[in-house]
C-alpha atoms as a PDB file:
ATOM      1  CA  MET A   1     -22.026   2.409  15.816  1.00  0.00           C
ATOM      2  CA  LEU A   2     -18.450   2.817  14.577  1.00  0.00           C
ATOM      3  CA  LEU A   3     -17.917   5.675  17.038  1.00  0.00           C
ATOM      4  CA  LEU A   4     -19.181   3.509  19.880  1.00  0.00           C
ATOM      5  CA  SER A   5     -16.866   0.617  19.019  1.00  0.00           C
ATOM      6  CA  THR A   6     -13.907   2.994  18.647  1.00  0.00           C
ATOM      7  CA  THR A   7     -14.597   4.535  22.043  1.00  0.00           C
ATOM      8  CA  THR A   8     -15.032   1.140  23.673  1.00  0.00           C
ATOM      9  CA  PHE A   9     -11.792  -0.147  22.169  1.00  0.00           C
ATOM     10  CA  ARG A  10      -9.911   2.954  23.275  1.00  0.00           C
ATOM     11  CA  HIS A  11     -10.896   2.514  26.909  1.00  0.00           C
ATOM     12  CA  ARG A  12      -9.595  -1.042  26.995  1.00  0.00           C
ATOM     13  CA  SER A  13      -6.143  -0.094  25.836  1.00  0.00           C
ATOM     14  CA  ALA A  14      -4.168   3.121  26.109  1.00  0.00           C
ATOM     15  CA  THR A  15      -3.759   4.970  22.847  1.00  0.00           C
ATOM     16  CA  MET A  16      -0.508   6.530  21.840  1.00  0.00           C
ATOM     17  CA  PRO A  17       0.117   9.254  19.295  1.00  0.00           C
ATOM     18  CA  VAL A  18       1.635   8.234  15.992  1.00  0.00           C
ATOM     19  CA  ALA A  19       4.467  10.259  14.463  1.00  0.00           C
ATOM     20  CA  ARG A  20       3.506  12.423  11.497  1.00  0.00           C
ATOM     21  CA  ARG A  21       6.112  10.725   9.339  1.00  0.00           C
ATOM     22  CA  THR A  22       4.611   7.318  10.073  1.00  0.00           C
ATOM     23  CA  THR A  23       1.103   8.601   9.384  1.00  0.00           C
ATOM     24  CA  ARG A  24       2.190   9.981   6.015  1.00  0.00           C
ATOM     25  CA  LEU A  25       3.959   6.738   5.126  1.00  0.00           C
ATOM     26  CA  VAL A  26       0.869   4.653   5.942  1.00  0.00           C
ATOM     27  CA  TRP A  27      -1.323   6.973   3.836  1.00  0.00           C
ATOM     28  CA  LEU A  28       1.206   6.748   0.985  1.00  0.00           C
ATOM     29  CA  VAL A  29       1.122   2.940   1.089  1.00  0.00           C
ATOM     30  CA  ALA A  30      -2.697   2.976   1.201  1.00  0.00           C
ATOM     31  CA  LEU A  31      -2.856   5.353  -1.775  1.00  0.00           C
ATOM     32  CA  ALA A  32      -0.361   3.304  -3.795  1.00  0.00           C
ATOM     33  CA  ASN A  33      -2.336   0.173  -2.950  1.00  0.00           C
ATOM     34  CA  GLY A  34      -5.517   1.841  -4.196  1.00  0.00           C
ATOM     35  CA  MET A  35      -3.768   2.588  -7.486  1.00  0.00           C
ATOM     36  CA  ASN A  36      -2.629  -1.035  -7.619  1.00  0.00           C
ATOM     37  CA  VAL A  37      -6.241  -2.199  -7.220  1.00  0.00           C
ATOM     38  CA  VAL A  38      -7.282  -0.048 -10.182  1.00  0.00           C
ATOM     39  CA  TRP A  39      -4.329  -1.243 -12.298  1.00  0.00           C
ATOM     40  CA  MET A  40      -5.078  -4.897 -11.635  1.00  0.00           C
ATOM     41  CA  ALA A  41      -8.805  -4.488 -12.213  1.00  0.00           C
ATOM     42  CA  VAL A  42      -8.318  -2.670 -15.530  1.00  0.00           C
ATOM     43  CA  LEU A  43      -5.037  -4.034 -16.921  1.00  0.00           C
ATOM     44  CA  GLY A  44      -4.651  -7.363 -15.106  1.00  0.00           C
ATOM     45  CA  ASP A  45      -5.533  -9.531 -18.122  1.00  0.00           C
ATOM     46  CA  TRP A  46      -3.208  -7.520 -20.339  1.00  0.00           C
ATOM     47  CA  PHE A  47      -0.348  -7.904 -17.853  1.00  0.00           C
ATOM     48  CA  ASP A  48      -0.985 -11.667 -17.725  1.00  0.00           C
ATOM     49  CA  GLN A  49      -0.730 -12.019 -21.510  1.00  0.00           C
ATOM     50  CA  ARG A  50       2.665 -10.273 -21.773  1.00  0.00           C
ATOM     51  CA  HIS A  51       5.565 -12.487 -20.744  1.00  0.00           C
ATOM     52  CA  LEU A  52       7.753  -9.722 -19.302  1.00  0.00           C
ATOM     53  CA  LEU A  53       4.887  -7.812 -17.677  1.00  0.00           C
ATOM     54  CA  SER A  54       3.430 -10.915 -16.034  1.00  0.00           C
ATOM     55  CA  MET A  55       5.967 -10.272 -13.270  1.00  0.00           C
ATOM     56  CA  ALA A  56       3.602  -7.536 -12.056  1.00  0.00           C
ATOM     57  CA  THR A  57       0.889 -10.172 -11.565  1.00  0.00           C
ATOM     58  CA  TRP A  58       2.986 -12.777  -9.749  1.00  0.00           C
ATOM     59  CA  GLY A  59       3.545 -14.782 -12.921  1.00  0.00           C
ATOM     60  CA  GLY A  60       0.107 -14.400 -14.463  1.00  0.00           C
ATOM     61  CA  HIS A  61      -2.142 -14.441 -11.392  1.00  0.00           C
ATOM     62  CA  HIS A  62      -3.681 -10.978 -11.509  1.00  0.00           C
ATOM     63  CA  ARG A  63      -6.845 -12.074  -9.708  1.00  0.00           C
ATOM     64  CA  LEU A  64      -4.774 -13.192  -6.722  1.00  0.00           C
ATOM     65  CA  VAL A  65      -2.906  -9.865  -6.719  1.00  0.00           C
ATOM     66  CA  LEU A  66      -6.231  -8.033  -7.014  1.00  0.00           C
ATOM     67  CA  ALA A  67      -7.757  -9.981  -4.107  1.00  0.00           C
ATOM     68  CA  THR A  68      -4.702  -9.328  -1.938  1.00  0.00           C
ATOM     69  CA  ALA A  69      -4.735  -5.614  -2.759  1.00  0.00           C
ATOM     70  CA  VAL A  70      -8.481  -5.323  -2.089  1.00  0.00           C
ATOM     71  CA  CYS A  71      -8.085  -7.038   1.299  1.00  0.00           C
ATOM     72  CA  ALA A  72      -5.290  -4.632   2.210  1.00  0.00           C
ATOM     73  CA  LEU A  73      -7.364  -1.664   1.018  1.00  0.00           C
ATOM     74  CA  ILE A  74     -10.344  -2.722   3.137  1.00  0.00           C
ATOM     75  CA  ALA A  75      -8.042  -3.190   6.124  1.00  0.00           C
ATOM     76  CA  HIS A  76      -6.592   0.293   5.607  1.00  0.00           C
ATOM     77  CA  ALA A  77     -10.075   1.806   5.357  1.00  0.00           C
ATOM     78  CA  VAL A  78     -11.259   0.178   8.582  1.00  0.00           C
ATOM     79  CA  LEU A  79      -8.040   0.982  10.434  1.00  0.00           C
ATOM     80  CA  ALA A  80      -8.103   4.601   9.254  1.00  0.00           C
ATOM     81  CA  ALA A  81     -11.515   4.978  10.853  1.00  0.00           C
ATOM     82  CA  LEU A  82     -10.453   3.276  14.090  1.00  0.00           C
ATOM     83  CA  THR A  83      -7.167   5.187  14.457  1.00  0.00           C
ATOM     84  CA  LEU A  84      -8.469   8.649  13.555  1.00  0.00           C
ATOM     85  CA  GLY A  85      -6.649   8.689  10.252  1.00  0.00           C
ATOM     86  CA  PHE A  86      -3.625   6.801  11.612  1.00  0.00           C
ATOM     87  CA  THR A  87      -2.865   9.646  14.062  1.00  0.00           C
ATOM     88  CA  GLU A  88      -3.361   7.805  17.353  1.00  0.00           C
ATOM     89  CA  ALA A  89      -3.866   4.168  18.130  1.00  0.00           C
ATOM     90  CA  PRO A  90      -3.342   1.461  20.718  1.00  0.00           C
ATOM     91  CA  LYS A  91      -0.528  -1.007  20.127  1.00  0.00           C
ATOM     92  CA  GLU A  92      -2.914  -3.664  18.831  1.00  0.00           C
ATOM     93  CA  LEU A  93      -4.250  -1.423  16.069  1.00  0.00           C
ATOM     94  CA  MET A  94      -0.747  -0.255  15.138  1.00  0.00           C
ATOM     95  CA  THR A  95       0.244  -3.898  14.749  1.00  0.00           C
ATOM     96  CA  LEU A  96      -2.742  -4.460  12.458  1.00  0.00           C
ATOM     97  CA  THR A  97      -1.829  -1.312  10.511  1.00  0.00           C
ATOM     98  CA  ILE A  98       1.692  -2.629   9.982  1.00  0.00           C
ATOM     99  CA  LEU A  99       0.291  -5.957   8.787  1.00  0.00           C
ATOM    100  CA  ALA A 100      -2.042  -4.153   6.362  1.00  0.00           C
ATOM    101  CA  CYS A 101       0.945  -2.206   5.003  1.00  0.00           C
ATOM    102  CA  LEU A 102       2.911  -5.440   4.563  1.00  0.00           C
ATOM    103  CA  LEU A 103      -0.020  -7.043   2.736  1.00  0.00           C
ATOM    104  CA  ALA A 104      -0.335  -4.004   0.455  1.00  0.00           C
ATOM    105  CA  THR A 105       3.404  -4.020  -0.207  1.00  0.00           C
ATOM    106  CA  ALA A 106       3.293  -7.713  -1.095  1.00  0.00           C
ATOM    107  CA  ALA A 107       0.530  -6.977  -3.607  1.00  0.00           C
ATOM    108  CA  MET A 108       2.623  -4.172  -5.131  1.00  0.00           C
ATOM    109  CA  LEU A 109       5.961  -6.022  -5.309  1.00  0.00           C
ATOM    110  CA  GLY A 110       5.604  -7.053  -8.949  1.00  0.00           C
ATOM    111  CA  VAL A 111       4.752  -3.530 -10.083  1.00  0.00           C
ATOM    112  CA  LEU A 112       7.595  -2.121  -7.975  1.00  0.00           C
ATOM    113  CA  ALA A 113      10.013  -4.622  -9.522  1.00  0.00           C
ATOM    114  CA  LEU A 114       9.020  -3.404 -12.985  1.00  0.00           C
ATOM    115  CA  ALA A 115       9.142   0.276 -12.039  1.00  0.00           C
ATOM    116  CA  ALA A 116      12.499   0.203 -10.213  1.00  0.00           C
ATOM    117  CA  PRO A 117      14.710  -0.115 -13.327  1.00  0.00           C
ATOM    118  CA  LEU A 118      12.784   2.675 -15.052  1.00  0.00           C
ATOM    119  CA  ILE A 119      13.213   4.947 -12.048  1.00  0.00           C
ATOM    120  CA  ILE A 120      16.933   4.171 -11.827  1.00  0.00           C
ATOM    121  CA  ILE A 121      17.417   4.839 -15.546  1.00  0.00           C
ATOM    122  CA  GLY A 122      15.486   8.107 -15.229  1.00  0.00           C
ATOM    123  CA  ILE A 123      17.656   9.240 -12.330  1.00  0.00           C
ATOM    124  CA  PHE A 124      20.819   8.265 -14.219  1.00  0.00           C
ATOM    125  CA  VAL A 125      19.753  10.158 -17.357  1.00  0.00           C
ATOM    126  CA  GLY A 126      18.806  13.158 -15.234  1.00  0.00           C
ATOM    127  CA  VAL A 127      22.147  13.226 -13.420  1.00  0.00           C
ATOM    128  CA  VAL A 128      24.146  12.789 -16.653  1.00  0.00           C
ATOM    129  CA  GLY A 129      22.087  15.516 -18.323  1.00  0.00           C
ATOM    130  CA  TRP A 130      22.647  17.815 -15.359  1.00  0.00           C
ATOM    131  CA  MET A 131      26.407  17.143 -15.382  1.00  0.00           C
ATOM    132  CA  LEU A 132      26.722  17.709 -19.133  1.00  0.00           C
ATOM    133  CA  GLY A 133      24.404  20.703 -19.244  1.00  0.00           C
END
């Protein structure tokens, strides 16, 4: 049934190939969103109880973050099937793919805000260590 609906949708609108770089980026966002779903399901309550870490859950709303991430993950799963793994798609499906990526990114913003300083400090320590060593 999915194959039939994909074929029907393809005939209505011309498909266009998607650049490999874009395909990889969409898969990376989908994978990171999947990890975010697991983090929020397992550690959401713990993040909510810690004042500093509640930033990862939009100020203590881990269920809302979890729901947003799950919706984005479902959208990515459906769109991956319809676009042959994000390799070719009509404009309408590419627009929906972009919206799914934006939704996933919104769900991950709190975690990214917490991780960014750690990444910057790690890069700084690595560069200083390389220069001194």
